[in-house]
Amino acid sequence: MNLTGGIILFAVIWFLVFFVVLPIRLKTQGDVDQIVPGTQAGAPHEAHLGAKVKITTAVTVVLWAILATVLLSGMITLEDIDFFNRLRR
C-alpha cells in the first residue's frame, strides 16, 4: 500500500463510520415538538456534529491502523482473495 492508497483507505473508512455514527442519539424536531417553520419534522433538533466528527475520526484511526497493519504485513494478499484465478498468470 502506498501513500495514496493509505489516504483513500482512510477516507473510505472515515465516511463509512461517519454514516454509521450520524443517527446515533439523534433527536428530531418532531421528537421534541419544536418544529421550525419551513422544515420537516424529521430534521435534527441538535445534530452534535462536532462530537460525531471527533468520534468518527478516533474510530477511523483505530480501524485504519488495523487494516494497514494487516495489508502491509502480508497476512492477506491479492492471491488470497482471488477466488476466480483472474490475477494469476
Protein backbone atom coordinates (compact mmCIF):
# COMPACT_ATOMS: atom_id res chain seq x y z
CA MET A 1 0.00 0.00 0.00
CA ASN A 2 1.43 3.36 -0.98
CA LEU A 3 0.64 6.83 0.40
CA THR A 4 -2.26 7.44 -1.97
CA GLY A 5 -3.79 4.06 -1.17
CA GLY A 6 -3.48 4.75 2.55
CA ILE A 7 -5.19 8.12 2.22
CA ILE A 8 -8.00 6.68 0.12
CA LEU A 9 -8.46 3.80 2.58
CA PHE A 10 -8.65 6.30 5.45
CA ALA A 11 -11.22 8.44 3.62
CA VAL A 12 -13.43 5.47 2.73
CA ILE A 13 -13.36 4.15 6.29
CA TRP A 14 -14.00 7.66 7.68
CA PHE A 15 -17.13 8.18 5.61
CA LEU A 16 -18.44 4.68 6.35
CA VAL A 17 -18.01 5.22 10.08
CA PHE A 18 -19.47 8.74 9.85
CA PHE A 19 -22.66 7.49 8.20
CA VAL A 20 -22.97 4.85 10.93
CA VAL A 21 -22.42 7.39 13.73
CA LEU A 22 -24.74 10.11 12.36
CA PRO A 23 -28.08 8.64 13.51
CA ILE A 24 -26.84 7.68 16.99
CA ARG A 25 -28.65 9.66 19.74
CA LEU A 26 -30.40 11.80 17.11
CA LYS A 27 -33.39 13.80 18.32
CA THR A 28 -35.59 15.17 15.58
CA GLN A 29 -37.65 18.33 15.75
CA GLY A 30 -40.76 16.15 15.81
CA ASP A 31 -39.45 14.23 18.84
CA VAL A 32 -39.07 17.40 20.93
CA ASP A 33 -42.16 19.13 19.45
CA GLN A 34 -40.21 22.19 18.32
CA ILE A 35 -40.70 22.19 14.56
CA VAL A 36 -39.16 25.23 12.90
CA PRO A 37 -41.48 26.63 10.19
CA GLY A 38 -40.31 25.58 6.75
CA THR A 39 -38.54 22.40 7.90
CA GLN A 40 -39.66 18.81 8.15
CA ALA A 41 -40.44 17.16 11.46
CA GLY A 42 -37.65 14.66 10.76
CA ALA A 43 -34.97 17.36 10.66
CA PRO A 44 -32.45 17.11 13.50
CA HIS A 45 -33.07 19.26 16.55
CA GLU A 46 -29.43 19.16 17.66
CA ALA A 47 -27.03 17.25 15.41
CA HIS A 48 -23.91 17.39 17.63
CA LEU A 49 -21.74 17.23 14.51
CA GLY A 50 -18.54 18.29 16.25
CA ALA A 51 -18.66 15.40 18.70
CA LYS A 52 -19.65 12.95 15.97
CA VAL A 53 -16.73 14.04 13.78
CA LYS A 54 -14.31 13.52 16.70
CA ILE A 55 -15.75 10.08 17.46
CA THR A 56 -15.64 9.16 13.77
CA THR A 57 -12.00 10.22 13.46
CA ALA A 58 -10.95 8.29 16.58
CA VAL A 59 -12.68 5.09 15.45
CA THR A 60 -11.32 5.50 11.93
CA VAL A 61 -7.72 5.86 13.12
CA VAL A 62 -8.02 2.58 15.04
CA LEU A 63 -9.68 0.71 12.16
CA TRP A 64 -7.24 2.14 9.60
CA ALA A 65 -4.25 1.14 11.73
CA ILE A 66 -5.55 -2.42 11.99
CA LEU A 67 -6.25 -2.69 8.25
CA ALA A 68 -2.96 -1.07 7.27
CA THR A 69 -1.06 -3.45 9.54
CA VAL A 70 -2.81 -6.47 8.04
CA LEU A 71 -2.22 -5.29 4.47
CA LEU A 72 1.40 -4.20 4.94
CA SER A 73 2.40 -7.32 6.89
CA GLY A 74 1.29 -9.58 4.07
CA MET A 75 -1.20 -11.56 6.15
CA ILE A 76 -3.73 -11.02 3.35
CA THR A 77 -2.57 -10.62 -0.24
CA LEU A 78 -4.30 -10.35 -3.60
CA GLU A 79 -3.74 -14.05 -4.17
CA ASP A 80 -5.73 -14.80 -1.01
CA ILE A 81 -8.82 -13.01 -2.29
CA ASP A 82 -8.52 -14.02 -5.97
CA PHE A 83 -11.32 -16.60 -5.91
CA PHE A 84 -11.68 -16.90 -9.70
CA ASN A 85 -7.94 -17.07 -10.55
CA ARG A 86 -8.06 -13.95 -12.68
CA LEU A 87 -4.84 -12.43 -11.32
CA ARG A 88 -2.60 -15.48 -11.73
CA ARG A 89 -0.60 -15.88 -14.89
